[in-house]
């Protein structure tokens, strides 16, 4: 499973997700895209996820369609439930 967090530096909800990533020891497992300096990331989020809302976690599993997960609480819950698998 591959995960990418789409975010901005000034978003408090993005900060909440970043703190969870650090606390769960997932810094190596979750790629980060900061939209302030990543026009390609903005395009990918808009086209793939369908909206320009951050934070958004892109979840890519082998053989499955990409999942775009919005809402910081939902993202944190997903990370907590899947931390062991993401670290593997």
N, C-alpha and C. Protein backbone atom coordinates (compact mmCIF):
# COMPACT_ATOMS: atom_id res chain seq x y z
N UNK A 1 0.85 -1.17 0.00
CA UNK A 1 0.00 0.00 0.00
C UNK A 1 0.89 1.23 0.00
N UNK A 2 0.55 2.19 -0.84
CA UNK A 2 1.28 3.45 -0.94
C UNK A 2 0.34 4.58 -0.54
N UNK A 3 0.82 5.52 0.26
CA UNK A 3 0.00 6.64 0.69
C UNK A 3 0.73 7.96 0.44
N UNK A 4 -0.05 8.97 0.08
CA UNK A 4 0.48 10.32 -0.15
C UNK A 4 -0.47 11.32 0.49
N UNK A 5 0.08 12.21 1.30
CA UNK A 5 -0.71 13.24 1.96
C UNK A 5 -0.60 14.54 1.17
N UNK A 6 -1.73 15.04 0.68
CA UNK A 6 -1.80 16.34 0.02
C UNK A 6 -2.18 17.35 1.09
N UNK A 7 -1.41 18.46 1.17
CA UNK A 7 -1.56 19.38 2.29
C UNK A 7 -1.03 20.76 1.96
N UNK A 8 -1.23 21.68 2.89
CA UNK A 8 -0.60 23.00 2.84
C UNK A 8 0.03 23.26 4.21
N UNK A 9 0.97 24.18 4.22
CA UNK A 9 1.66 24.51 5.47
C UNK A 9 0.77 25.23 6.48
N UNK A 10 -0.18 26.03 6.00
CA UNK A 10 -0.97 26.87 6.89
C UNK A 10 -2.27 26.23 7.37
N UNK A 11 -2.55 25.04 6.93
CA UNK A 11 -3.80 24.37 7.29
C UNK A 11 -3.66 23.66 8.65
N UNK A 12 -4.47 24.07 9.61
CA UNK A 12 -4.43 23.45 10.94
C UNK A 12 -4.83 21.99 10.92
N UNK A 13 -5.77 21.63 10.07
CA UNK A 13 -6.19 20.23 9.97
C UNK A 13 -5.07 19.37 9.36
N UNK A 14 -4.30 19.97 8.45
CA UNK A 14 -3.14 19.26 7.89
C UNK A 14 -2.11 19.02 9.00
N UNK A 15 -1.92 20.01 9.86
CA UNK A 15 -1.00 19.86 10.98
C UNK A 15 -1.42 18.73 11.90
N UNK A 16 -2.71 18.58 12.10
CA UNK A 16 -3.23 17.48 12.93
C UNK A 16 -2.82 16.13 12.34
N UNK A 17 -2.92 16.00 11.02
CA UNK A 17 -2.55 14.75 10.36
C UNK A 17 -1.03 14.54 10.43
N UNK A 18 -0.26 15.61 10.22
CA UNK A 18 1.21 15.50 10.31
C UNK A 18 1.64 15.03 11.70
N UNK A 19 0.98 15.56 12.75
CA UNK A 19 1.32 15.14 14.12
C UNK A 19 1.02 13.65 14.31
N UNK A 20 -0.10 13.18 13.79
CA UNK A 20 -0.46 11.76 13.90
C UNK A 20 0.57 10.90 13.17
N UNK A 21 0.99 11.34 12.00
CA UNK A 21 2.00 10.60 11.24
C UNK A 21 3.28 10.48 12.06
N UNK A 22 3.71 11.57 12.67
CA UNK A 22 4.93 11.55 13.49
C UNK A 22 4.75 10.66 14.71
N UNK A 23 3.64 10.79 15.41
CA UNK A 23 3.39 9.99 16.62
C UNK A 23 3.32 8.50 16.32
N UNK A 24 2.80 8.15 15.15
CA UNK A 24 2.67 6.74 14.77
C UNK A 24 3.93 6.20 14.12
N UNK A 25 4.93 7.05 13.93
CA UNK A 25 6.18 6.62 13.31
C UNK A 25 6.02 6.29 11.83
N UNK A 26 5.17 7.05 11.14
CA UNK A 26 4.87 6.76 9.74
C UNK A 26 5.51 7.75 8.76
N UNK A 27 6.48 8.52 9.21
CA UNK A 27 7.09 9.53 8.35
C UNK A 27 7.67 8.94 7.08
N UNK A 28 8.23 7.75 7.17
CA UNK A 28 8.81 7.09 5.99
C UNK A 28 7.73 6.45 5.13
N UNK A 29 6.56 6.19 5.66
CA UNK A 29 5.52 5.45 4.96
C UNK A 29 4.53 6.34 4.22
N UNK A 30 4.48 7.61 4.57
CA UNK A 30 3.51 8.52 3.95
C UNK A 30 4.27 9.62 3.20
N UNK A 31 4.15 9.61 1.89
CA UNK A 31 4.75 10.68 1.08
C UNK A 31 3.96 11.96 1.31
N UNK A 32 4.63 13.10 1.14
CA UNK A 32 3.96 14.38 1.36
C UNK A 32 4.06 15.25 0.13
N UNK A 33 2.96 15.91 -0.18
CA UNK A 33 2.93 16.90 -1.26
C UNK A 33 2.36 18.19 -0.69
N UNK A 34 3.17 19.25 -0.74
CA UNK A 34 2.76 20.57 -0.26
C UNK A 34 2.28 21.38 -1.46
N UNK A 35 1.02 21.71 -1.48
CA UNK A 35 0.41 22.30 -2.66
C UNK A 35 0.87 23.72 -2.95
N UNK A 36 1.41 24.43 -1.96
CA UNK A 36 1.90 25.79 -2.21
C UNK A 36 3.00 25.80 -3.28
N UNK A 37 3.80 24.77 -3.32
CA UNK A 37 4.95 24.74 -4.23
C UNK A 37 4.88 23.57 -5.22
N UNK A 38 3.70 23.03 -5.44
CA UNK A 38 3.57 21.83 -6.27
C UNK A 38 2.35 21.92 -7.18
N UNK A 39 2.47 22.67 -8.31
CA UNK A 39 1.33 22.80 -9.21
C UNK A 39 0.85 21.45 -9.75
N UNK A 40 1.76 20.52 -9.94
CA UNK A 40 1.37 19.18 -10.40
C UNK A 40 0.54 18.47 -9.33
N UNK A 41 0.88 18.70 -8.07
CA UNK A 41 0.11 18.13 -6.97
C UNK A 41 -1.30 18.70 -6.93
N UNK A 42 -1.43 19.99 -7.19
CA UNK A 42 -2.75 20.63 -7.23
C UNK A 42 -3.58 19.98 -8.33
N UNK A 43 -2.99 19.80 -9.51
CA UNK A 43 -3.69 19.18 -10.62
C UNK A 43 -4.09 17.75 -10.29
N UNK A 44 -3.16 16.98 -9.71
CA UNK A 44 -3.44 15.58 -9.36
C UNK A 44 -4.58 15.49 -8.35
N UNK A 45 -4.57 16.35 -7.35
CA UNK A 45 -5.62 16.34 -6.34
C UNK A 45 -6.97 16.72 -6.95
N UNK A 46 -6.97 17.74 -7.77
CA UNK A 46 -8.20 18.19 -8.41
C UNK A 46 -8.78 17.13 -9.34
N UNK A 47 -7.95 16.54 -10.16
CA UNK A 47 -8.42 15.55 -11.13
C UNK A 47 -8.71 14.19 -10.48
N UNK A 48 -7.84 13.77 -9.59
CA UNK A 48 -7.99 12.45 -8.98
C UNK A 48 -9.02 12.42 -7.87
N UNK A 49 -8.93 13.40 -6.98
CA UNK A 49 -9.84 13.44 -5.84
C UNK A 49 -11.14 14.15 -6.12
N UNK A 50 -11.12 15.00 -7.12
CA UNK A 50 -12.35 15.69 -7.49
C UNK A 50 -12.58 17.01 -6.80
N UNK A 51 -11.72 17.36 -5.85
CA UNK A 51 -11.87 18.65 -5.17
C UNK A 51 -10.53 19.10 -4.62
N UNK A 52 -10.40 20.39 -4.41
CA UNK A 52 -9.16 20.96 -3.88
C UNK A 52 -9.29 21.19 -2.38
N UNK A 53 -9.54 20.16 -1.66
CA UNK A 53 -9.68 20.23 -0.20
C UNK A 53 -8.49 19.51 0.42
N UNK A 54 -7.89 20.14 1.42
CA UNK A 54 -6.81 19.50 2.17
C UNK A 54 -7.20 19.46 3.64
N UNK A 55 -6.68 18.50 4.38
CA UNK A 55 -5.80 17.44 3.93
C UNK A 55 -6.56 16.38 3.14
N UNK A 56 -5.80 15.68 2.31
CA UNK A 56 -6.36 14.56 1.56
C UNK A 56 -5.28 13.48 1.50
N UNK A 57 -5.66 12.28 1.84
CA UNK A 57 -4.73 11.15 1.79
C UNK A 57 -5.09 10.27 0.60
N UNK A 58 -4.14 10.14 -0.31
CA UNK A 58 -4.30 9.24 -1.45
C UNK A 58 -3.81 7.86 -1.02
N UNK A 59 -4.68 6.87 -1.15
CA UNK A 59 -4.36 5.50 -0.77
C UNK A 59 -4.37 4.66 -2.04
N UNK A 60 -3.23 4.05 -2.34
CA UNK A 60 -3.10 3.22 -3.53
C UNK A 60 -2.75 1.80 -3.11
N UNK A 61 -3.65 0.88 -3.46
CA UNK A 61 -3.45 -0.53 -3.15
C UNK A 61 -3.30 -1.28 -4.47
N UNK A 62 -2.46 -2.30 -4.49
CA UNK A 62 -2.30 -3.11 -5.69
C UNK A 62 -3.64 -3.71 -6.10
N UNK A 63 -3.98 -3.57 -7.37
CA UNK A 63 -5.18 -4.18 -7.89
C UNK A 63 -6.48 -3.47 -7.55
N UNK A 64 -6.40 -2.31 -6.89
CA UNK A 64 -7.62 -1.57 -6.51
C UNK A 64 -7.54 -0.15 -7.05
N UNK A 65 -8.70 0.45 -7.20
CA UNK A 65 -8.75 1.85 -7.61
C UNK A 65 -8.21 2.73 -6.48
N UNK A 66 -7.60 3.83 -6.85
CA UNK A 66 -7.09 4.77 -5.86
C UNK A 66 -8.24 5.31 -5.02
N UNK A 67 -7.96 5.50 -3.72
CA UNK A 67 -8.95 6.06 -2.80
C UNK A 67 -8.43 7.41 -2.32
N UNK A 68 -9.27 8.42 -2.41
CA UNK A 68 -8.92 9.77 -1.95
C UNK A 68 -9.71 10.03 -0.67
N UNK A 69 -9.01 10.08 0.45
CA UNK A 69 -9.65 10.20 1.75
C UNK A 69 -9.51 11.63 2.28
N UNK A 70 -10.63 12.31 2.46
CA UNK A 70 -10.66 13.68 2.98
C UNK A 70 -11.06 13.64 4.46
N UNK A 71 -10.93 14.77 5.11
CA UNK A 71 -11.27 14.97 6.52
C UNK A 71 -10.16 14.44 7.43
N UNK A 72 -9.59 15.33 8.20
CA UNK A 72 -8.45 14.98 9.04
C UNK A 72 -8.75 13.85 10.02
N UNK A 73 -9.93 13.86 10.64
CA UNK A 73 -10.27 12.80 11.60
C UNK A 73 -10.33 11.44 10.91
N UNK A 74 -10.88 11.38 9.71
CA UNK A 74 -10.94 10.13 8.97
C UNK A 74 -9.55 9.65 8.57
N UNK A 75 -8.69 10.60 8.18
CA UNK A 75 -7.32 10.24 7.80
C UNK A 75 -6.57 9.70 9.00
N UNK A 76 -6.67 10.36 10.14
CA UNK A 76 -5.98 9.91 11.36
C UNK A 76 -6.49 8.52 11.75
N UNK A 77 -7.78 8.32 11.68
CA UNK A 77 -8.36 7.00 12.00
C UNK A 77 -7.81 5.92 11.06
N UNK A 78 -7.73 6.22 9.78
CA UNK A 78 -7.17 5.27 8.82
C UNK A 78 -5.72 4.95 9.15
N UNK A 79 -4.93 5.98 9.45
CA UNK A 79 -3.51 5.77 9.76
C UNK A 79 -3.34 4.92 11.02
N UNK A 80 -4.14 5.19 12.03
CA UNK A 80 -4.06 4.40 13.26
C UNK A 80 -4.42 2.94 13.00
N UNK A 81 -5.46 2.71 12.23
CA UNK A 81 -5.93 1.34 11.96
C UNK A 81 -4.97 0.58 11.06
N UNK A 82 -4.18 1.27 10.25
CA UNK A 82 -3.33 0.61 9.27
C UNK A 82 -1.84 0.85 9.50
N UNK A 83 -1.46 1.36 10.66
CA UNK A 83 -0.06 1.71 10.92
C UNK A 83 0.88 0.53 10.72
N UNK A 84 0.53 -0.63 11.24
CA UNK A 84 1.42 -1.79 11.12
C UNK A 84 1.63 -2.16 9.64
N UNK A 85 0.58 -2.14 8.88
CA UNK A 85 0.68 -2.49 7.46
C UNK A 85 1.48 -1.43 6.69
N UNK A 86 1.31 -0.18 7.04
CA UNK A 86 2.05 0.90 6.37
C UNK A 86 3.53 0.84 6.68
N UNK A 87 3.90 0.41 7.86
CA UNK A 87 5.30 0.31 8.25
C UNK A 87 6.01 -0.86 7.59
N UNK A 88 5.24 -1.87 7.19
CA UNK A 88 5.85 -3.10 6.62
C UNK A 88 6.45 -2.85 5.26
